[in-house]
């Protein structure tokens, strides 16, 4: 008996690291001062443009979207989803990403598959100006089935203390603007899979491509859209719509004594959500609590600034929608 016969192939792990090194180095920003493979990732930040820099961190996963990737044998998109999800989580606090770390755990390490996942991370890190400075790969037979893997990532960003966005400025009559999602992003897949199990190659009227293609669409990053608005006194709050839906997530930043009046039919909903709703006979309350329903990020803005903000977003090619308002209880 040896380690390989027990199910852990150290050579496969070394081959995987060899494969991804050139890609990962493409994400390195000037702050990275160590190469991949060290016991820790070193990052030397330049905070000269900040008066009082505050580090903001977040950690998340991709959930059972991974099961769709495994079934279809398409692995690169989930890596991008992971990075973008984490970027959005700190973005809504007003923070820009600095660096990212990942955790990849599997039943049997297949270097080509793991490298494809990392390719997605690299693509998203480069798009977001975020360095991938380290990670952990764990081969754990007995805990995971051979084809199964799990994926998690943590991110660290920075925001000036006086520019933190936390919802404290939200007030009655503020307007809710919704930015479109690409689909489910990374939430609600346990329900979607139950409804659509075995139908990944099926097509529906109005749906571009197959069910599987719709479910694997990349969780988009909103950094390039929102960053130009950082520091604006008219932006009172930002909400990343993940598990818990539009209301559940946005209420996290709404002060006591206020509520949301959401106009649920005020934006175009991607077809995939109606397919899930109808094919699974899913109650509307569950749809709204489980999925983003086509709105991936909510901006809470001063009512007098709505037209200007919408015009600015449109100039970037962003179709935002007025989806409701804040009101008193």
Protein backbone atom coordinates (compact mmCIF):
# COMPACT_ATOMS: atom_id res chain seq x y z
CA UNK A 1 0.00 0.00 0.00
CA UNK A 2 1.18 3.49 -0.81
CA UNK A 3 -0.38 6.97 -1.06
CA UNK A 4 -1.28 6.60 -4.75
CA UNK A 5 -2.99 3.26 -4.16
CA UNK A 6 -4.89 4.91 -1.30
CA UNK A 7 -6.27 7.37 -3.85
CA UNK A 8 -3.98 10.40 -3.68
CA UNK A 9 -1.63 11.04 -6.61
CA UNK A 10 1.06 13.56 -5.63
CA UNK A 11 2.49 13.45 -9.15
CA UNK A 12 -0.87 14.56 -10.57
CA UNK A 13 -0.83 17.49 -8.17
CA UNK A 14 2.64 18.49 -9.28
CA UNK A 15 1.60 18.23 -12.93
CA UNK A 16 -1.44 20.42 -12.24
CA UNK A 17 0.71 23.14 -10.65
CA UNK A 18 3.12 22.98 -13.58
CA UNK A 19 0.20 23.45 -16.00
CA UNK A 20 -1.33 26.46 -14.29
CA UNK A 21 1.78 28.45 -13.35
CA UNK A 22 2.09 30.38 -16.65
CA UNK A 23 -1.61 31.27 -16.57
CA UNK A 24 -1.67 32.37 -12.96
CA UNK A 25 1.35 34.62 -13.49
CA UNK A 26 -0.72 36.53 -16.07
CA UNK A 27 -2.91 37.83 -13.22
CA UNK A 28 -0.01 39.23 -11.19
CA UNK A 29 -0.27 42.93 -10.48
CA UNK A 30 2.60 45.13 -9.22
CA UNK A 31 1.73 44.26 -5.61
CA UNK A 32 2.50 40.54 -6.00
CA UNK A 33 5.98 39.78 -4.67
CA UNK A 34 5.99 35.95 -4.59
CA UNK A 35 5.49 33.31 -7.25
CA UNK A 36 2.90 30.56 -7.07
CA UNK A 37 3.94 27.64 -4.88
CA UNK A 38 5.09 29.46 -1.75
CA UNK A 39 3.55 28.66 1.63
CA UNK A 40 1.81 32.03 1.57
CA UNK A 41 0.93 34.65 -1.01
CA UNK A 42 2.71 37.97 -0.49
CA UNK A 43 1.11 41.22 -1.60
CA UNK A 44 2.66 44.66 -1.12
CA UNK A 45 -0.19 47.18 -1.46
CA UNK A 46 0.14 50.76 -2.60
CA UNK A 47 -2.29 52.79 -0.51
CA UNK A 48 -0.91 56.20 -1.47
CA UNK A 49 -4.21 57.23 -3.07
CA UNK A 50 -6.21 56.41 0.07
CA UNK A 51 -6.63 58.66 3.08
CA UNK A 52 -7.66 55.85 5.43
CA UNK A 53 -7.59 52.49 3.62
CA UNK A 54 -9.87 49.72 4.87
CA UNK A 55 -9.41 46.12 3.75
CA UNK A 56 -12.59 44.29 2.77
CA UNK A 57 -12.70 40.51 2.47
CA UNK A 58 -15.23 37.90 1.41
CA UNK A 59 -15.37 34.16 0.80
CA UNK A 60 -17.83 32.14 -1.25
CA UNK A 61 -18.39 29.14 -3.47
CA UNK A 62 -20.21 28.18 -6.65
CA UNK A 63 -22.69 25.73 -5.11
CA UNK A 64 -24.27 22.93 -7.09
CA UNK A 65 -23.69 24.76 -10.36
CA UNK A 66 -20.63 22.50 -10.28
CA UNK A 67 -22.88 19.48 -10.90
CA UNK A 68 -23.99 21.02 -14.21
CA UNK A 69 -20.36 21.66 -15.18
CA UNK A 70 -19.45 18.05 -14.37
CA UNK A 71 -22.43 16.65 -16.28
CA UNK A 72 -21.63 18.70 -19.38
CA UNK A 73 -17.86 18.43 -19.09
CA UNK A 74 -17.47 22.23 -19.26
CA UNK A 75 -15.26 23.48 -16.48
CA UNK A 76 -13.86 26.93 -17.30
CA UNK A 77 -16.99 29.01 -16.69
CA UNK A 78 -17.39 28.05 -13.02
CA UNK A 79 -13.94 29.42 -12.25
CA UNK A 80 -14.98 32.80 -13.64
CA UNK A 81 -18.25 32.61 -11.71
CA UNK A 82 -16.36 32.13 -8.46
CA UNK A 83 -14.11 35.16 -8.92
CA UNK A 84 -16.89 37.44 -10.16
CA UNK A 85 -19.17 36.47 -7.29
CA UNK A 86 -16.50 37.42 -4.77
CA UNK A 87 -15.66 40.65 -6.62
CA UNK A 88 -19.31 41.70 -6.50
CA UNK A 89 -19.58 40.94 -2.79
CA UNK A 90 -16.90 43.49 -1.91
CA UNK A 91 -17.85 45.83 -4.74
CA UNK A 92 -21.19 46.60 -3.11
CA UNK A 93 -19.21 47.78 -0.06
CA UNK A 94 -17.36 50.26 -2.28
CA UNK A 95 -14.18 48.17 -2.50
CA UNK A 96 -11.88 47.37 -5.42
CA UNK A 97 -10.29 43.89 -5.47
CA UNK A 98 -6.61 43.41 -4.72
CA UNK A 99 -6.04 39.65 -4.67
CA UNK A 100 -7.82 36.31 -4.72
CA UNK A 101 -7.16 32.79 -3.42
CA UNK A 102 -8.96 29.57 -4.33
CA UNK A 103 -9.67 26.16 -2.82
CA UNK A 104 -10.22 23.17 -5.11
CA UNK A 105 -11.18 19.84 -3.51
CA UNK A 106 -11.92 16.66 -5.43
CA UNK A 107 -12.28 12.88 -5.25
CA UNK A 108 -9.66 12.27 -7.93
CA UNK A 109 -7.40 15.00 -9.28
CA UNK A 110 -7.47 15.19 -13.07
CA UNK A 111 -4.96 17.90 -13.99
CA UNK A 112 -6.72 18.88 -17.25
CA UNK A 113 -10.05 19.44 -15.48
CA UNK A 114 -8.52 21.35 -12.58
CA UNK A 115 -6.50 23.47 -15.03
CA UNK A 116 -9.68 24.32 -16.97
CA UNK A 117 -11.29 25.54 -13.75
CA UNK A 118 -8.25 27.71 -13.02
CA UNK A 119 -8.37 29.08 -16.58
CA UNK A 120 -11.78 30.53 -15.73
CA UNK A 121 -10.41 32.08 -12.55
CA UNK A 122 -7.48 33.56 -14.46
CA UNK A 123 -9.78 35.08 -17.08
CA UNK A 124 -11.96 36.71 -14.44
CA UNK A 125 -9.03 37.90 -12.33
CA UNK A 126 -7.50 39.59 -15.35
CA UNK A 127 -10.81 41.23 -16.28
CA UNK A 128 -11.21 42.54 -12.72
CA UNK A 129 -7.59 43.62 -12.21
CA UNK A 130 -7.26 41.13 -9.38
CA UNK A 131 -4.19 38.97 -8.71
CA UNK A 132 -4.58 35.23 -8.15
CA UNK A 133 -1.81 34.84 -5.58
CA UNK A 134 -2.40 31.37 -4.20
CA UNK A 135 -4.66 28.42 -3.67
CA UNK A 136 -5.07 24.94 -2.26
CA UNK A 137 -5.74 21.71 -4.14
CA UNK A 138 -7.00 18.78 -2.07
CA UNK A 139 -7.52 15.24 -3.37
CA UNK A 140 -9.81 13.46 -0.90
CA UNK A 141 -11.03 10.03 -2.00
CA UNK A 142 -13.80 8.77 0.23
CA UNK A 143 -15.07 12.24 0.98
CA UNK A 144 -15.89 13.05 -2.67
CA UNK A 145 -16.93 10.74 -5.48
CA UNK A 146 -14.24 10.37 -8.15
CA UNK A 147 -15.72 12.93 -10.59
CA UNK A 148 -16.93 15.35 -7.93
CA UNK A 149 -15.13 18.50 -6.93
CA UNK A 150 -15.86 21.55 -4.83
CA UNK A 151 -14.70 25.08 -5.33
CA UNK A 152 -14.38 28.07 -3.02
CA UNK A 153 -12.52 31.35 -3.12
CA UNK A 154 -11.63 34.29 -0.93
CA UNK A 155 -10.96 37.85 -1.98
CA UNK A 156 -9.39 40.91 -0.39
CA UNK A 157 -10.04 44.44 -1.59
CA UNK A 158 -9.67 48.00 -0.37
CA UNK A 159 -11.89 51.02 0.13
CA UNK A 160 -11.25 54.44 1.62
CA UNK A 161 -12.96 54.65 5.01
CA UNK A 162 -14.96 57.73 4.04
CA UNK A 163 -16.18 56.02 0.86
CA UNK A 164 -17.52 52.82 2.42
CA UNK A 165 -20.99 51.98 1.10
CA UNK A 166 -23.06 50.32 3.81
CA UNK A 167 -26.62 51.59 3.35
CA UNK A 168 -26.49 54.07 6.21
CA UNK A 169 -27.50 56.86 3.80
CA UNK A 170 -30.57 55.03 2.49
CA UNK A 171 -33.78 56.98 3.07
CA UNK A 172 -37.45 56.96 2.10
CA UNK A 173 -38.18 57.81 -1.55
CA UNK A 174 -34.78 56.57 -2.70
CA UNK A 175 -35.11 54.74 -6.02
CA UNK A 176 -34.12 51.15 -6.76
CA UNK A 177 -32.20 50.59 -9.99
CA UNK A 178 -31.65 47.04 -11.18
CA UNK A 179 -28.71 45.89 -13.29
CA UNK A 180 -29.39 42.78 -15.39
CA UNK A 181 -27.96 39.38 -14.55
CA UNK A 182 -26.84 36.79 -17.09
CA UNK A 183 -29.14 34.18 -15.55
CA UNK A 184 -28.99 32.26 -12.28
CA UNK A 185 -25.42 33.41 -11.57
CA UNK A 186 -24.40 31.07 -8.70
CA UNK A 187 -27.58 30.62 -6.68
CA UNK A 188 -30.65 28.42 -6.80
CA UNK A 189 -29.06 25.49 -8.60
CA UNK A 190 -30.33 22.83 -6.20
CA UNK A 191 -33.90 23.81 -7.10
CA UNK A 192 -33.12 24.28 -10.81
CA UNK A 193 -31.46 20.87 -11.01
CA UNK A 194 -34.42 19.16 -9.33
CA UNK A 195 -36.76 20.71 -11.89
CA UNK A 196 -34.58 20.20 -14.97
CA UNK A 197 -32.70 17.00 -14.13
CA UNK A 198 -31.82 15.01 -17.25
CA UNK A 199 -32.82 17.84 -19.59
CA UNK A 200 -29.54 19.69 -20.05
CA UNK A 201 -29.59 19.22 -23.83
CA UNK A 202 -33.21 20.27 -24.20
CA UNK A 203 -34.23 23.52 -25.88
CA UNK A 204 -37.24 25.74 -25.25
CA UNK A 205 -38.94 28.45 -27.26
CA UNK A 206 -37.29 31.81 -26.56
CA UNK A 207 -34.22 30.24 -24.93
CA UNK A 208 -30.87 30.79 -26.61
CA UNK A 209 -29.16 27.43 -26.75
CA UNK A 210 -29.83 24.50 -24.45
CA UNK A 211 -30.90 24.35 -20.82
CA UNK A 212 -27.36 23.38 -19.87
CA UNK A 213 -25.87 26.35 -21.71
CA UNK A 214 -28.29 28.71 -19.99
CA UNK A 215 -27.47 27.30 -16.57
CA UNK A 216 -23.70 27.59 -17.13
CA UNK A 217 -23.72 31.24 -18.17
CA UNK A 218 -21.01 33.13 -16.30
CA UNK A 219 -21.94 35.06 -13.17
CA UNK A 220 -21.12 38.55 -14.38
CA UNK A 221 -18.95 41.10 -12.60
CA UNK A 222 -20.33 44.61 -12.13
CA UNK A 223 -16.98 46.21 -11.29
CA UNK A 224 -16.45 48.06 -14.56
CA UNK A 225 -19.97 49.50 -14.38
CA UNK A 226 -20.03 50.51 -10.72
CA UNK A 227 -16.43 51.64 -10.10
CA UNK A 228 -16.86 54.95 -11.97
CA UNK A 229 -19.66 55.81 -9.52
CA UNK A 230 -17.58 55.24 -6.38
CA UNK A 231 -17.58 58.33 -4.20
CA UNK A 232 -20.88 59.67 -5.54
CA UNK A 233 -23.10 61.06 -2.79
CA UNK A 234 -26.12 59.95 -4.83
CA UNK A 235 -25.34 56.25 -4.42
CA UNK A 236 -26.85 55.37 -1.05
CA UNK A 237 -26.56 51.60 -1.20
CA UNK A 238 -25.59 48.62 -3.36
CA UNK A 239 -26.81 45.05 -3.09
CA UNK A 240 -25.46 41.90 -4.75
CA UNK A 241 -28.44 39.63 -5.43
CA UNK A 242 -27.45 36.11 -4.40
CA UNK A 243 -29.16 33.49 -2.22
CA UNK A 244 -32.21 35.05 -0.61
CA UNK A 245 -33.27 36.93 -3.70
CA UNK A 246 -33.72 40.60 -4.44
CA UNK A 247 -35.63 41.56 -1.30
CA UNK A 248 -33.68 39.40 1.13
CA UNK A 249 -30.30 40.71 0.03
CA UNK A 250 -31.26 44.36 -0.39
CA UNK A 251 -32.93 44.55 3.03
CA UNK A 252 -29.52 43.73 4.54
CA UNK A 253 -28.48 47.34 3.88
CA UNK A 254 -31.81 49.10 4.50
CA UNK A 255 -32.03 50.90 7.88
CA UNK A 256 -34.74 49.98 10.37
CA UNK A 257 -38.06 51.68 9.77
CA UNK A 258 -37.84 51.41 6.00
CA UNK A 259 -39.02 48.83 3.47
CA UNK A 260 -38.74 48.06 -0.22
CA UNK A 261 -41.54 48.54 -2.71
CA UNK A 262 -40.43 46.34 -5.60
CA UNK A 263 -42.22 46.46 -8.94
CA UNK A 264 -41.68 42.86 -9.95
CA UNK A 265 -42.77 43.26 -13.55
CA UNK A 266 -40.62 46.30 -14.30
CA UNK A 267 -37.68 44.49 -15.93
CA UNK A 268 -37.31 41.75 -18.57
CA UNK A 269 -36.85 38.37 -16.93
CA UNK A 270 -34.56 35.86 -18.67
CA UNK A 271 -36.51 32.93 -20.14
CA UNK A 272 -34.70 30.35 -18.00
CA UNK A 273 -36.52 31.54 -14.88
CA UNK A 274 -39.98 31.11 -16.43
CA UNK A 275 -38.98 27.64 -17.60
CA UNK A 276 -38.07 26.69 -14.02
CA UNK A 277 -41.25 28.32 -12.70
CA UNK A 278 -43.55 26.48 -15.09
CA UNK A 279 -41.78 23.13 -15.43
CA UNK A 280 -41.45 22.79 -11.67
CA UNK A 281 -44.72 24.50 -10.74
CA UNK A 282 -42.62 26.57 -8.34
CA UNK A 283 -44.56 29.05 -6.15
CA UNK A 284 -43.77 32.68 -6.95
CA UNK A 285 -42.66 33.31 -3.36
CA UNK A 286 -40.03 30.60 -3.75
CA UNK A 287 -38.92 31.99 -7.10
CA UNK A 288 -38.36 35.42 -5.56
CA UNK A 289 -36.53 34.08 -2.49
CA UNK A 290 -34.32 31.64 -4.44
CA UNK A 291 -33.33 33.41 -7.67
CA UNK A 292 -32.23 36.85 -8.79
CA UNK A 293 -34.92 36.71 -11.54
CA UNK A 294 -32.79 38.76 -13.90
CA UNK A 295 -31.47 41.46 -11.54
CA UNK A 296 -27.94 40.74 -10.35
CA UNK A 297 -27.20 44.01 -8.59
CA UNK A 298 -29.45 46.68 -7.05
CA UNK A 299 -28.47 50.33 -6.70
CA UNK A 300 -30.30 52.48 -4.16
CA UNK A 301 -29.99 56.06 -5.37
CA UNK A 302 -31.26 59.53 -4.57
CA UNK A 303 -34.52 60.15 -6.44
CA UNK A 304 -33.19 63.42 -7.88
CA UNK A 305 -30.18 61.70 -9.43
CA UNK A 306 -31.96 58.86 -11.22
CA UNK A 307 -31.94 60.36 -14.72
CA UNK A 308 -28.26 61.27 -14.56
CA UNK A 309 -27.22 57.86 -13.27
CA UNK A 310 -29.31 56.06 -15.89
CA UNK A 311 -27.75 58.20 -18.60
CA UNK A 312 -24.26 57.43 -17.31
CA UNK A 313 -24.99 53.71 -17.24
CA UNK A 314 -26.44 53.82 -20.73
CA UNK A 315 -23.28 55.51 -22.00
CA UNK A 316 -21.42 52.40 -20.79
CA UNK A 317 -23.85 50.15 -22.64
CA UNK A 318 -25.65 49.16 -19.45
CA UNK A 319 -29.44 48.81 -19.52
CA UNK A 320 -30.52 49.54 -15.97
CA UNK A 321 -34.14 49.50 -14.88
CA UNK A 322 -36.16 51.42 -12.31
CA UNK A 323 -37.54 48.54 -10.26
CA UNK A 324 -39.07 50.22 -7.22
CA UNK A 325 -38.34 52.50 -4.31
CA UNK A 326 -37.65 52.69 -0.58
CA UNK A 327 -40.55 53.71 1.64
CA UNK A 328 -41.41 54.05 5.29
CA UNK A 329 -43.11 51.22 7.14
